[in-house]
Amino acid sequence: MESLQQEVFVPLRINLKKGQKAYYSKPDDKNIVTPLSKILVKAYILQKRLIENPGLNQAKFCKLNKISPRYFRAILQFNFLSPKLKKRIMEGWMPKNVSTQQILTNKIPLLWKEQEETIV
């Protein structure tokens, strides 16, 4: 069986503090960049920043990252998606009827198996 492998480039603007490092991959001609994949990457970055700054409350964290508290709460939901769904999003294999808005507005189950049955 032949395996398919594809690199994904998600263009993001990342604000770094002095002394921090960022790693970027070079964009190819054909990359799968969807609104879902962009939000998934943003959610990961926000979660990482949140873990790095445990003393900040939500208001200070949002002000520091220049986002609204409502957006912050909404985007963090993407960190609780099952690994299988995250992989499918990053590979561009999600059904066309699944959108960012659909995930944000529908109550998503916490159990990964139920998520996979509900979303896919």
C-alpha atoms as a PDB file:
ATOM      1  CA  MET A   1       0.000   0.000   0.000  1.00  0.00           C
ATOM      2  CA  GLU A   2       1.376   3.372  -0.999  1.00  0.00           C
ATOM      3  CA  SER A   3       1.488   6.043   1.683  1.00  0.00           C
ATOM      4  CA  LEU A   4       0.761   9.662   0.895  1.00  0.00           C
ATOM      5  CA  GLN A   5       2.788  12.357   2.566  1.00  0.00           C
ATOM      6  CA  GLN A   6       2.302  16.086   2.208  1.00  0.00           C
ATOM      7  CA  GLU A   7       3.800  19.099   3.919  1.00  0.00           C
ATOM      8  CA  VAL A   8       1.490  21.882   5.046  1.00  0.00           C
ATOM      9  CA  PHE A   9       2.457  25.534   5.334  1.00  0.00           C
ATOM     10  CA  VAL A  10       0.216  27.745   7.419  1.00  0.00           C
ATOM     11  CA  PRO A  11       1.114  31.435   7.081  1.00  0.00           C
ATOM     12  CA  LEU A  12       0.952  33.089  10.493  1.00  0.00           C
ATOM     13  CA  ARG A  13       2.211  36.297  12.015  1.00  0.00           C
ATOM     14  CA  ILE A  14       3.691  35.444  15.390  1.00  0.00           C
ATOM     15  CA  ASN A  15       4.639  38.190  17.825  1.00  0.00           C
ATOM     16  CA  LEU A  16       7.797  37.154  19.635  1.00  0.00           C
ATOM     17  CA  LYS A  17       9.294  38.616  22.749  1.00  0.00           C
ATOM     18  CA  LYS A  18      12.986  39.466  22.888  1.00  0.00           C
ATOM     19  CA  GLY A  19      15.067  36.301  23.020  1.00  0.00           C
ATOM     20  CA  GLN A  20      12.392  33.943  21.662  1.00  0.00           C
ATOM     21  CA  LYS A  21      13.010  31.889  18.545  1.00  0.00           C
ATOM     22  CA  ALA A  22      10.619  30.966  15.768  1.00  0.00           C
ATOM     23  CA  TYR A  23      10.948  28.207  13.177  1.00  0.00           C
ATOM     24  CA  TYR A  24       9.364  28.565   9.784  1.00  0.00           C
ATOM     25  CA  SER A  25       9.042  26.164   6.922  1.00  0.00           C
ATOM     26  CA  LYS A  26       9.266  27.326   3.335  1.00  0.00           C
ATOM     27  CA  PRO A  27       5.991  27.449   1.430  1.00  0.00           C
ATOM     28  CA  ASP A  28       5.632  25.096  -1.522  1.00  0.00           C
ATOM     29  CA  ASP A  29       3.564  25.705  -4.622  1.00  0.00           C
ATOM     30  CA  LYS A  30       0.716  23.462  -3.461  1.00  0.00           C
ATOM     31  CA  ASN A  31      -0.156  23.635   0.225  1.00  0.00           C
ATOM     32  CA  ILE A  32      -3.407  22.773   1.893  1.00  0.00           C
ATOM     33  CA  VAL A  33      -4.328  25.804   3.956  1.00  0.00           C
ATOM     34  CA  THR A  34      -7.888  25.909   5.190  1.00  0.00           C
ATOM     35  CA  PRO A  35      -9.591  28.166   7.728  1.00  0.00           C
ATOM     36  CA  LEU A  36      -9.822  25.125  10.036  1.00  0.00           C
ATOM     37  CA  SER A  37      -6.086  24.435   9.819  1.00  0.00           C
ATOM     38  CA  LYS A  38      -5.243  28.090  10.493  1.00  0.00           C
ATOM     39  CA  ILE A  39      -7.445  28.170  13.584  1.00  0.00           C
ATOM     40  CA  LEU A  40      -6.043  24.862  14.812  1.00  0.00           C
ATOM     41  CA  VAL A  41      -2.510  26.278  14.623  1.00  0.00           C
ATOM     42  CA  LYS A  42      -3.585  29.513  16.341  1.00  0.00           C
ATOM     43  CA  ALA A  43      -5.263  27.495  19.106  1.00  0.00           C
ATOM     44  CA  TYR A  44      -2.069  25.504  19.632  1.00  0.00           C
ATOM     45  CA  ILE A  45       0.026  28.685  19.832  1.00  0.00           C
ATOM     46  CA  LEU A  46      -2.367  30.319  22.302  1.00  0.00           C
ATOM     47  CA  GLN A  47      -2.418  27.215  24.483  1.00  0.00           C
ATOM     48  CA  LYS A  48       1.375  27.113  24.506  1.00  0.00           C
ATOM     49  CA  ARG A  49       1.539  30.796  25.480  1.00  0.00           C
ATOM     50  CA  LEU A  50      -1.034  30.196  28.203  1.00  0.00           C
ATOM     51  CA  ILE A  51       1.047  27.357  29.679  1.00  0.00           C
ATOM     52  CA  GLU A  52       4.173  29.537  29.557  1.00  0.00           C
ATOM     53  CA  ASN A  53       2.408  32.316  31.520  1.00  0.00           C
ATOM     54  CA  PRO A  54       0.570  30.547  34.364  1.00  0.00           C
ATOM     55  CA  GLY A  55       0.218  33.694  36.503  1.00  0.00           C
ATOM     56  CA  LEU A  56      -1.847  35.668  34.001  1.00  0.00           C
ATOM     57  CA  ASN A  57      -5.605  35.869  34.303  1.00  0.00           C
ATOM     58  CA  GLN A  58      -7.789  35.749  31.192  1.00  0.00           C
ATOM     59  CA  ALA A  59      -8.150  39.540  30.833  1.00  0.00           C
ATOM     60  CA  LYS A  60      -4.397  40.188  31.028  1.00  0.00           C
ATOM     61  CA  PHE A  61      -3.610  37.269  28.722  1.00  0.00           C
ATOM     62  CA  CYS A  62      -6.074  38.510  26.105  1.00  0.00           C
ATOM     63  CA  LYS A  63      -4.751  42.069  26.310  1.00  0.00           C
ATOM     64  CA  LEU A  64      -1.165  40.827  25.980  1.00  0.00           C
ATOM     65  CA  ASN A  65      -2.049  38.753  22.893  1.00  0.00           C
ATOM     66  CA  LYS A  66      -4.387  41.412  21.430  1.00  0.00           C
ATOM     67  CA  ILE A  67      -7.437  39.153  21.253  1.00  0.00           C
ATOM     68  CA  SER A  68     -10.903  39.410  22.752  1.00  0.00           C
ATOM     69  CA  PRO A  69     -11.898  37.146  25.649  1.00  0.00           C
ATOM     70  CA  ARG A  70     -14.756  35.761  23.535  1.00  0.00           C
ATOM     71  CA  TYR A  71     -12.366  34.808  20.702  1.00  0.00           C
ATOM     72  CA  PHE A  72      -9.970  33.311  23.242  1.00  0.00           C
ATOM     73  CA  ARG A  73     -12.655  31.044  24.734  1.00  0.00           C
ATOM     74  CA  ALA A  74     -13.893  30.021  21.297  1.00  0.00           C
ATOM     75  CA  ILE A  75     -10.521  29.176  19.796  1.00  0.00           C
ATOM     76  CA  LEU A  76      -9.360  27.134  22.795  1.00  0.00           C
ATOM     77  CA  GLN A  77     -12.111  24.607  21.999  1.00  0.00           C
ATOM     78  CA  PHE A  78      -9.977  23.426  19.082  1.00  0.00           C
ATOM     79  CA  ASN A  79      -7.321  22.143  21.495  1.00  0.00           C
ATOM     80  CA  PHE A  80      -9.809  19.571  22.785  1.00  0.00           C
ATOM     81  CA  LEU A  81     -10.469  17.947  19.408  1.00  0.00           C
ATOM     82  CA  SER A  82      -9.362  14.355  19.031  1.00  0.00           C
ATOM     83  CA  PRO A  83      -5.903  13.746  17.556  1.00  0.00           C
ATOM     84  CA  LYS A  84      -7.530  11.958  14.627  1.00  0.00           C
ATOM     85  CA  LEU A  85      -9.658  15.012  13.804  1.00  0.00           C
ATOM     86  CA  LYS A  86      -6.683  17.352  14.180  1.00  0.00           C
ATOM     87  CA  LYS A  87      -4.668  15.199  11.800  1.00  0.00           C
ATOM     88  CA  ARG A  88      -7.506  15.166   9.262  1.00  0.00           C
ATOM     89  CA  ILE A  89      -7.840  18.957   9.478  1.00  0.00           C
ATOM     90  CA  MET A  90      -4.115  19.519   8.947  1.00  0.00           C
ATOM     91  CA  GLU A  91      -4.060  17.086   6.036  1.00  0.00           C
ATOM     92  CA  GLY A  92      -7.084  18.736   4.430  1.00  0.00           C
ATOM     93  CA  TRP A  93      -9.280  15.636   4.622  1.00  0.00           C
ATOM     94  CA  MET A  94     -12.275  17.137   6.438  1.00  0.00           C
ATOM     95  CA  PRO A  95     -15.645  17.034   4.665  1.00  0.00           C
ATOM     96  CA  LYS A  96     -16.569  20.292   2.925  1.00  0.00           C
ATOM     97  CA  ASN A  97     -19.660  20.697   5.091  1.00  0.00           C
ATOM     98  CA  VAL A  98     -17.504  20.922   8.264  1.00  0.00           C
ATOM     99  CA  SER A  99     -16.568  24.532   8.907  1.00  0.00           C
ATOM    100  CA  THR A 100     -14.985  26.567  11.660  1.00  0.00           C
ATOM    101  CA  GLN A 101     -18.362  28.085  12.462  1.00  0.00           C
ATOM    102  CA  GLN A 102     -19.985  24.654  12.710  1.00  0.00           C
ATOM    103  CA  ILE A 103     -17.419  23.498  15.267  1.00  0.00           C
ATOM    104  CA  LEU A 104     -17.732  26.713  17.280  1.00  0.00           C
ATOM    105  CA  THR A 105     -21.533  26.875  17.340  1.00  0.00           C
ATOM    106  CA  ASN A 106     -22.312  23.200  17.965  1.00  0.00           C
ATOM    107  CA  LYS A 107     -21.628  21.701  21.346  1.00  0.00           C
ATOM    108  CA  ILE A 108     -18.777  19.296  20.763  1.00  0.00           C
ATOM    109  CA  PRO A 109     -18.620  16.174  22.945  1.00  0.00           C
ATOM    110  CA  LEU A 110     -15.552  15.786  25.137  1.00  0.00           C
ATOM    111  CA  LEU A 111     -15.049  12.101  24.315  1.00  0.00           C
ATOM    112  CA  TRP A 112     -12.895  11.726  21.215  1.00  0.00           C
ATOM    113  CA  LYS A 113     -14.883   8.786  19.854  1.00  0.00           C
ATOM    114  CA  GLU A 114     -18.106  10.802  20.057  1.00  0.00           C
ATOM    115  CA  GLN A 115     -16.384  13.780  18.399  1.00  0.00           C
ATOM    116  CA  GLU A 116     -15.269  11.630  15.499  1.00  0.00           C
ATOM    117  CA  GLU A 117     -18.790  10.218  15.074  1.00  0.00           C
ATOM    118  CA  THR A 118     -20.386  13.677  15.304  1.00  0.00           C
ATOM    119  CA  ILE A 119     -18.021  15.691  13.118  1.00  0.00           C
ATOM    120  CA  VAL A 120     -16.838  13.224  10.495  1.00  0.00           C
END
